[in-house]
Structure formats: C-alpha cells, structure tokens
Amino acid sequence: MHDTLNPQPMTAEMVGELLRDAGAEVMVRSGRSESYSAPREFSFEVKALFENGMGLHVVARQFNYRDPWEAEGRVNDLVDVMLLKDGALTPLPKGYPYFQGIDEECGLDVDSLREVVECVRLVNVKLYLLQEMTGDL
C-alpha cells in the first residue's frame, strides 16, 4: 500500500538489491550519508546494466529530514532515474509508460522505481532499430 505521508525510505543498498534481484549488474556509490563534509549534490547513486544492454543510473540527490536537527530522520524518499542504452542517455521507444521523449524520470518513490526497473528490464532493444526505420523514434 502506498503511504504518501510516510513513503518508504530508500538506501543505496536497498536500490542496489532491487536492481540485482531484477538481474542487473550493479555498482553503488554513497555520498553525503556519513560525512557532513561531502558534497551535498547527492546522497547516493546506483548504476545498473541489464542483460538487454539497457542501463539505469539512479540518483538520490538530497536527504529529506523527518525530524529536527537531522538526528534520526535523514531519508531518501525520492530518486531520479536516467535511462542509458550503449552508455548514452536515451528515451524508450514509443509504447512504454516511462521515458517517453525524455531520458530522465524525476521524483520517483520506491513503487515507481520498481515499475521503471521492470519496464527497462523487459525492453526489446530491437524496437529502437524498428522505430528508427519507421521514423517513430
């Protein structure tokens, strides 16, 4: 069930595991999670490559704070996801629910991230060639 008031927090390890479970090769890098002197641009990023050659670059840019003074409430509720094909940013071919005309989906919660992972995992990359030939891509 989706709880908009208290969404499920995401960690680098949790996102990495979600992608591994979907069959991807995964690399994980944490940012500001442990050190206040680290750059504030992101708290973690995860890169994944699927067997079909498609890749995802998941970035949690900043922490959200659920309690005062940053004591225990530092969480990542939302992530941004970039889609890669052959190492370059790309949209998905027509007919998919995500990445239509764009190469980045922003502000995804954990449920949306799961949907994106499943969608990208199942992409038939031959559709790129077909839609290029027909002028649809």
N, C-alpha and C. Protein backbone atom coordinates (compact mmCIF):
# COMPACT_ATOMS: atom_id res chain seq x y z
N MET A 1 0.85 -1.18 0.00
CA MET A 1 0.00 0.00 0.00
C MET A 1 0.89 1.24 0.00
N HIS A 2 0.48 2.25 -0.74
CA HIS A 2 1.28 3.46 -0.92
C HIS A 2 0.91 4.48 0.16
N ASP A 3 1.87 4.90 0.96
CA ASP A 3 1.67 5.86 2.03
C ASP A 3 2.34 7.16 1.64
N THR A 4 1.55 8.15 1.22
CA THR A 4 2.14 9.41 0.74
C THR A 4 2.67 10.27 1.88
N LEU A 5 2.17 10.08 3.10
CA LEU A 5 2.67 10.88 4.22
C LEU A 5 4.01 10.37 4.72
N ASN A 6 4.22 9.08 4.70
CA ASN A 6 5.48 8.48 5.13
C ASN A 6 5.96 7.46 4.11
N PRO A 7 6.46 7.93 2.97
CA PRO A 7 6.90 6.98 1.95
C PRO A 7 8.07 6.14 2.44
N GLN A 8 8.22 4.97 1.84
CA GLN A 8 9.30 4.07 2.23
C GLN A 8 10.64 4.70 1.88
N PRO A 9 11.52 4.84 2.86
CA PRO A 9 12.84 5.41 2.55
C PRO A 9 13.68 4.47 1.71
N MET A 10 14.54 5.04 0.88
CA MET A 10 15.42 4.25 0.03
C MET A 10 16.86 4.47 0.45
N THR A 11 17.63 3.40 0.44
CA THR A 11 19.06 3.49 0.69
C THR A 11 19.78 2.97 -0.55
N ALA A 12 21.07 3.26 -0.64
CA ALA A 12 21.86 2.77 -1.76
C ALA A 12 21.82 1.24 -1.80
N GLU A 13 21.92 0.62 -0.65
CA GLU A 13 21.92 -0.84 -0.58
C GLU A 13 20.59 -1.42 -1.02
N MET A 14 19.49 -0.79 -0.60
CA MET A 14 18.16 -1.27 -0.97
C MET A 14 17.93 -1.15 -2.46
N VAL A 15 18.31 -0.01 -3.06
CA VAL A 15 18.14 0.19 -4.50
C VAL A 15 19.04 -0.79 -5.27
N GLY A 16 20.27 -0.98 -4.80
CA GLY A 16 21.16 -1.94 -5.43
C GLY A 16 20.59 -3.34 -5.41
N GLU A 17 20.02 -3.74 -4.29
CA GLU A 17 19.43 -5.07 -4.15
C GLU A 17 18.21 -5.22 -5.07
N LEU A 18 17.39 -4.19 -5.15
CA LEU A 18 16.23 -4.21 -6.04
C LEU A 18 16.68 -4.46 -7.48
N LEU A 19 17.74 -3.78 -7.90
CA LEU A 19 18.25 -3.93 -9.27
C LEU A 19 18.92 -5.30 -9.47
N ARG A 20 19.65 -5.77 -8.48
CA ARG A 20 20.27 -7.11 -8.57
C ARG A 20 19.18 -8.19 -8.70
N ASP A 21 18.13 -8.05 -7.92
CA ASP A 21 17.02 -9.00 -7.96
C ASP A 21 16.37 -9.03 -9.34
N ALA A 22 16.45 -7.92 -10.07
CA ALA A 22 15.89 -7.84 -11.42
C ALA A 22 16.88 -8.34 -12.46
N GLY A 23 18.06 -8.81 -12.02
CA GLY A 23 19.02 -9.40 -12.93
C GLY A 23 20.08 -8.47 -13.46
N ALA A 24 20.21 -7.29 -12.89
CA ALA A 24 21.19 -6.31 -13.38
C ALA A 24 22.54 -6.47 -12.68
N GLU A 25 23.59 -6.07 -13.40
CA GLU A 25 24.90 -5.87 -12.76
C GLU A 25 24.84 -4.48 -12.14
N VAL A 26 25.32 -4.34 -10.90
CA VAL A 26 25.09 -3.11 -10.15
C VAL A 26 26.38 -2.57 -9.55
N MET A 27 26.50 -1.23 -9.57
CA MET A 27 27.56 -0.51 -8.86
C MET A 27 26.88 0.52 -7.98
N VAL A 28 27.35 0.64 -6.73
CA VAL A 28 26.74 1.54 -5.76
C VAL A 28 27.79 2.50 -5.22
N ARG A 29 27.41 3.78 -5.09
CA ARG A 29 28.31 4.77 -4.51
C ARG A 29 27.52 5.69 -3.60
N SER A 30 27.97 5.83 -2.37
CA SER A 30 27.33 6.73 -1.41
C SER A 30 28.04 8.06 -1.40
N GLY A 31 27.29 9.09 -1.04
CA GLY A 31 27.85 10.43 -0.99
C GLY A 31 27.87 10.96 0.42
N ARG A 32 26.93 11.83 0.73
CA ARG A 32 26.93 12.58 1.98
C ARG A 32 26.37 11.78 3.15
N SER A 33 26.10 10.51 2.97
CA SER A 33 25.40 9.76 4.01
C SER A 33 26.13 9.72 5.34
N GLU A 34 27.44 9.65 5.32
CA GLU A 34 28.18 9.51 6.58
C GLU A 34 29.00 10.75 6.94
N SER A 35 29.25 11.62 5.98
CA SER A 35 30.17 12.72 6.23
C SER A 35 29.54 14.05 5.85
N TYR A 36 29.46 14.96 6.79
CA TYR A 36 28.89 16.27 6.50
C TYR A 36 29.80 17.11 5.61
N SER A 37 31.05 16.73 5.46
CA SER A 37 31.94 17.49 4.60
C SER A 37 31.84 17.06 3.14
N ALA A 38 31.13 15.98 2.86
CA ALA A 38 30.98 15.50 1.49
C ALA A 38 30.06 16.45 0.71
N PRO A 39 30.16 16.44 -0.61
CA PRO A 39 29.30 17.32 -1.40
C PRO A 39 27.82 17.05 -1.13
N ARG A 40 27.02 18.09 -1.19
CA ARG A 40 25.58 17.96 -0.92
C ARG A 40 24.80 17.58 -2.16
N GLU A 41 25.46 17.37 -3.29
CA GLU A 41 24.73 17.15 -4.54
C GLU A 41 23.94 15.84 -4.53
N PHE A 42 24.45 14.81 -3.90
CA PHE A 42 23.71 13.56 -3.87
C PHE A 42 24.05 12.81 -2.60
N SER A 43 23.14 11.94 -2.17
CA SER A 43 23.44 11.11 -1.03
C SER A 43 23.85 9.71 -1.48
N PHE A 44 23.36 9.27 -2.65
CA PHE A 44 23.88 8.03 -3.24
C PHE A 44 23.52 7.96 -4.71
N GLU A 45 24.24 7.11 -5.42
CA GLU A 45 23.89 6.80 -6.80
C GLU A 45 24.14 5.32 -7.04
N VAL A 46 23.32 4.75 -7.90
CA VAL A 46 23.42 3.34 -8.24
C VAL A 46 23.33 3.23 -9.75
N LYS A 47 24.27 2.51 -10.33
CA LYS A 47 24.24 2.26 -11.78
C LYS A 47 23.97 0.78 -12.00
N ALA A 48 23.14 0.49 -13.00
CA ALA A 48 22.77 -0.89 -13.28
C ALA A 48 22.79 -1.13 -14.78
N LEU A 49 23.22 -2.33 -15.16
CA LEU A 49 23.22 -2.74 -16.55
C LEU A 49 22.48 -4.07 -16.65
N PHE A 50 21.46 -4.10 -17.52
CA PHE A 50 20.65 -5.30 -17.70
C PHE A 50 21.18 -6.12 -18.87
N GLU A 51 20.77 -7.38 -18.92
CA GLU A 51 21.22 -8.29 -19.98
C GLU A 51 20.85 -7.79 -21.37
N ASN A 52 19.78 -7.01 -21.49
CA ASN A 52 19.36 -6.50 -22.80
C ASN A 52 20.19 -5.28 -23.25
N GLY A 53 21.19 -4.89 -22.44
CA GLY A 53 22.05 -3.77 -22.80
C GLY A 53 21.55 -2.42 -22.29
N MET A 54 20.36 -2.39 -21.70
CA MET A 54 19.82 -1.15 -21.16
C MET A 54 20.41 -0.90 -19.77
N GLY A 55 20.56 0.36 -19.44
CA GLY A 55 21.11 0.71 -18.14
C GLY A 55 20.27 1.76 -17.43
N LEU A 56 20.39 1.78 -16.11
CA LEU A 56 19.74 2.80 -15.29
C LEU A 56 20.79 3.45 -14.40
N HIS A 57 20.68 4.75 -14.23
CA HIS A 57 21.52 5.50 -13.31
C HIS A 57 20.56 6.16 -12.32
N VAL A 58 20.53 5.64 -11.11
CA VAL A 58 19.61 6.09 -10.07
C VAL A 58 20.38 7.03 -9.13
N VAL A 59 19.83 8.23 -8.92
CA VAL A 59 20.49 9.21 -8.07
C VAL A 59 19.53 9.72 -7.01
N ALA A 60 19.93 9.63 -5.75
CA ALA A 60 19.21 10.28 -4.66
C ALA A 60 19.97 11.56 -4.36
N ARG A 61 19.41 12.68 -4.74
CA ARG A 61 20.17 13.93 -4.73
C ARG A 61 20.38 14.51 -3.34
N GLN A 62 19.36 14.53 -2.53
CA GLN A 62 19.49 15.14 -1.21
C GLN A 62 18.64 14.35 -0.22
N PHE A 63 19.01 14.46 1.02
CA PHE A 63 18.19 13.85 2.06
C PHE A 63 16.96 14.71 2.31
N ASN A 64 15.88 14.06 2.69
CA ASN A 64 14.73 14.74 3.28
C ASN A 64 14.87 14.52 4.78
N TYR A 65 14.43 15.48 5.56
CA TYR A 65 14.57 15.36 7.01
C TYR A 65 13.20 15.23 7.64
N ARG A 66 13.04 14.17 8.42
CA ARG A 66 11.75 13.93 9.06
C ARG A 66 11.71 14.37 10.51
N ASP A 67 12.82 14.78 11.06
CA ASP A 67 12.80 15.27 12.43
C ASP A 67 13.79 16.44 12.54
N PRO A 68 13.62 17.28 13.56
CA PRO A 68 14.51 18.42 13.70
C PRO A 68 15.94 17.99 14.02
N TRP A 69 16.86 18.81 13.66
CA TRP A 69 18.29 18.64 13.97
C TRP A 69 18.93 17.44 13.29
N GLU A 70 18.26 16.87 12.29
CA GLU A 70 18.85 15.81 11.48
C GLU A 70 19.30 14.61 12.32
N ALA A 71 18.65 14.37 13.44
CA ALA A 71 19.10 13.34 14.37
C ALA A 71 18.94 11.93 13.80
N GLU A 72 17.72 11.53 13.51
CA GLU A 72 17.50 10.18 13.02
C GLU A 72 16.68 10.14 11.74
N GLY A 73 16.20 11.27 11.31
CA GLY A 73 15.23 11.28 10.23
C GLY A 73 15.78 11.52 8.85
N ARG A 74 17.08 11.35 8.63
CA ARG A 74 17.62 11.57 7.29
C ARG A 74 17.25 10.40 6.40
N VAL A 75 16.43 10.68 5.39
CA VAL A 75 15.98 9.62 4.50
C VAL A 75 15.97 10.11 3.06
N ASN A 76 15.93 9.17 2.13
CA ASN A 76 15.70 9.47 0.73
C ASN A 76 14.37 8.86 0.36
N ASP A 77 13.38 9.70 0.18
CA ASP A 77 12.06 9.22 -0.21
C ASP A 77 11.94 9.13 -1.73
N LEU A 78 12.68 9.98 -2.44
CA LEU A 78 12.54 10.08 -3.88
C LEU A 78 13.90 9.99 -4.56
N VAL A 79 13.91 9.43 -5.76
CA VAL A 79 15.14 9.35 -6.55
C VAL A 79 14.85 9.81 -7.97
N ASP A 80 15.91 10.15 -8.69
CA ASP A 80 15.84 10.46 -10.11
C ASP A 80 16.51 9.30 -10.85
N VAL A 81 15.98 8.96 -12.02
CA VAL A 81 16.49 7.82 -12.77
C VAL A 81 16.74 8.24 -14.21
N MET A 82 17.97 8.00 -14.68
CA MET A 82 18.32 8.26 -16.07
C MET A 82 18.43 6.93 -16.80
N LEU A 83 17.99 6.91 -18.05
CA LEU A 83 17.99 5.70 -18.86
C LEU A 83 19.17 5.74 -19.83
N LEU A 84 19.90 4.63 -19.90
CA LEU A 84 21.07 4.53 -20.77
C LEU A 84 20.92 3.35 -21.73
N LYS A 85 21.38 3.57 -22.95
CA LYS A 85 21.47 2.49 -23.94
C LYS A 85 22.84 2.63 -24.58
N ASP A 86 23.64 1.58 -24.53
CA ASP A 86 25.01 1.62 -25.05
C ASP A 86 25.81 2.76 -24.41
N GLY A 87 25.54 3.03 -23.14
CA GLY A 87 26.29 4.05 -22.40
C GLY A 87 25.86 5.48 -22.63
N ALA A 88 24.85 5.71 -23.45
CA ALA A 88 24.39 7.08 -23.74
C ALA A 88 22.95 7.25 -23.25
N LEU A 89 22.61 8.47 -22.83
CA LEU A 89 21.25 8.76 -22.41
C LEU A 89 20.30 8.56 -23.58
N THR A 90 19.11 8.02 -23.29
CA THR A 90 18.16 7.72 -24.35
C THR A 90 16.74 7.69 -23.79
N PRO A 91 15.74 8.02 -24.60
CA PRO A 91 14.36 7.72 -24.21
C PRO A 91 14.03 6.28 -24.58
N LEU A 92 12.89 5.80 -24.14
CA LEU A 92 12.43 4.47 -24.56
C LEU A 92 11.65 4.60 -25.86
N PRO A 93 11.59 3.53 -26.64
CA PRO A 93 10.73 3.57 -27.83
C PRO A 93 9.28 3.83 -27.42
N LYS A 94 8.48 4.24 -28.39
CA LYS A 94 7.06 4.50 -28.11
C LYS A 94 6.37 3.25 -27.59
N GLY A 95 5.38 3.48 -26.74
CA GLY A 95 4.59 2.37 -26.24
C GLY A 95 4.91 1.96 -24.82
N TYR A 96 5.91 2.56 -24.21
CA TYR A 96 6.26 2.25 -22.82
C TYR A 96 5.72 3.34 -21.90
N PRO A 97 5.45 3.00 -20.64
CA PRO A 97 4.87 4.01 -19.73
C PRO A 97 5.88 5.04 -19.21
N TYR A 98 7.17 4.82 -19.41
CA TYR A 98 8.19 5.74 -18.89
C TYR A 98 9.14 6.16 -20.01
N PHE A 99 9.91 7.21 -19.74
CA PHE A 99 10.97 7.69 -20.64
C PHE A 99 10.45 7.95 -22.06
N GLN A 100 9.29 8.56 -22.17
CA GLN A 100 8.73 8.88 -23.48
C GLN A 100 9.17 10.28 -23.88
N GLY A 101 10.11 10.36 -24.80
CA GLY A 101 10.63 11.65 -25.26
C GLY A 101 11.59 12.30 -24.28
N ILE A 102 11.89 11.62 -23.19
CA ILE A 102 12.83 12.12 -22.18
C ILE A 102 13.78 11.00 -21.78
N ASP A 103 14.92 11.37 -21.22
CA ASP A 103 15.88 10.35 -20.79
C ASP A 103 16.02 10.30 -19.28
N GLU A 104 15.18 11.06 -18.55
CA GLU A 104 15.24 11.06 -17.09
C GLU A 104 13.84 11.15 -16.51
N GLU A 105 13.58 10.30 -15.52
CA GLU A 105 12.34 10.36 -14.73
C GLU A 105 12.73 10.87 -13.35
N CYS A 106 12.07 11.92 -12.90
CA CYS A 106 12.45 12.56 -11.63
C CYS A 106 11.39 12.35 -10.56
N GLY A 107 11.86 12.31 -9.32
CA GLY A 107 10.97 12.25 -8.17
C GLY A 107 10.20 10.95 -8.03
N LEU A 108 10.87 9.83 -8.28
CA LEU A 108 10.20 8.53 -8.17
C LEU A 108 10.27 8.01 -6.74
N ASP A 109 9.14 7.49 -6.26
CA ASP A 109 9.15 6.80 -4.98
C ASP A 109 9.52 5.35 -5.23
N VAL A 110 9.58 4.55 -4.19
CA VAL A 110 10.06 3.18 -4.32
C VAL A 110 9.14 2.34 -5.22
N ASP A 111 7.84 2.56 -5.16
CA ASP A 111 6.92 1.79 -6.00
C ASP A 111 7.12 2.14 -7.48
N SER A 112 7.27 3.43 -7.77
CA SER A 112 7.51 3.86 -9.15
C SER A 112 8.86 3.35 -9.64
N LEU A 113 9.86 3.35 -8.77
CA LEU A 113 11.17 2.84 -9.15
C LEU A 113 11.08 1.36 -9.53
N ARG A 114 10.34 0.59 -8.76
CA ARG A 114 10.15 -0.83 -9.10
C ARG A 114 9.51 -0.99 -10.48
N GLU A 115 8.52 -0.15 -10.78
CA GLU A 115 7.86 -0.21 -12.09
C GLU A 115 8.83 0.13 -13.21
N VAL A 116 9.66 1.15 -13.02
CA VAL A 116 10.64 1.54 -14.02
C VAL A 116 11.64 0.42 -14.25
N VAL A 117 12.13 -0.19 -13.18
CA VAL A 117 13.10 -1.29 -13.29
C VAL A 117 12.51 -2.43 -14.09
N GLU A 118 11.28 -2.81 -13.79
CA GLU A 118 10.63 -3.91 -14.52
C GLU A 118 10.44 -3.55 -15.99
N CYS A 119 10.04 -2.32 -16.25
CA CYS A 119 9.84 -1.85 -17.62
C CYS A 119 11.14 -1.93 -18.42
N VAL A 120 12.22 -1.39 -17.88
CA VAL A 120 13.50 -1.34 -18.59
C VAL A 120 14.10 -2.74 -18.74
N ARG A 121 13.93 -3.56 -17.73
CA ARG A 121 14.45 -4.93 -17.78
C ARG A 121 13.86 -5.72 -18.95
N LEU A 122 12.62 -5.42 -19.30
CA LEU A 122 11.90 -6.18 -20.32
C LEU A 122 11.96 -5.55 -21.72
N VAL A 123 12.66 -4.43 -21.88
CA VAL A 123 12.71 -3.75 -23.18
C VAL A 123 13.37 -4.65 -24.23
N ASN A 124 12.73 -4.75 -25.38
CA ASN A 124 13.32 -5.42 -26.53
C ASN A 124 14.06 -4.34 -27.31
N VAL A 125 15.39 -4.37 -27.29
CA VAL A 125 16.17 -3.29 -27.90
C VAL A 125 16.03 -3.25 -29.42
N LYS A 126 15.49 -4.29 -30.03
CA LYS A 126 15.25 -4.27 -31.48
C LYS A 126 14.20 -3.23 -31.85
N LEU A 127 13.38 -2.82 -30.87
CA LEU A 127 12.38 -1.78 -31.13
C LEU A 127 13.03 -0.45 -31.50
N TYR A 128 14.22 -0.18 -30.97
CA TYR A 128 14.92 1.05 -31.34
C TYR A 128 15.18 1.08 -32.85
N LEU A 129 15.72 0.01 -33.38
CA LEU A 129 16.01 -0.07 -34.81
C LEU A 129 14.73 0.01 -35.63
N LEU A 130 13.71 -0.72 -35.22
CA LEU A 130 12.45 -0.72 -35.93
C LEU A 130 11.83 0.68 -35.96
N GLN A 131 11.82 1.36 -34.80
CA GLN A 131 11.20 2.68 -34.75
C GLN A 131 12.06 3.74 -35.44
N GLU A 132 13.39 3.54 -35.50
CA GLU A 132 14.23 4.43 -36.29
C GLU A 132 13.91 4.26 -37.78
N MET A 133 13.71 3.02 -38.23
CA MET A 133 13.39 2.74 -39.63
C MET A 133 12.05 3.32 -40.04
N THR A 134 11.07 3.30 -39.13
CA THR A 134 9.74 3.80 -39.44
C THR A 134 9.59 5.29 -39.16
N GLY A 135 10.64 5.90 -38.56
CA GLY A 135 10.60 7.33 -38.28
C GLY A 135 9.86 7.67 -36.99
N ASP A 136 9.55 6.67 -36.19
CA ASP A 136 8.82 6.92 -34.94
C ASP A 136 9.73 7.30 -33.78
N LEU A 137 11.03 7.12 -33.93
CA LEU A 137 11.95 7.40 -32.81
C LEU A 137 12.84 8.55 -33.17
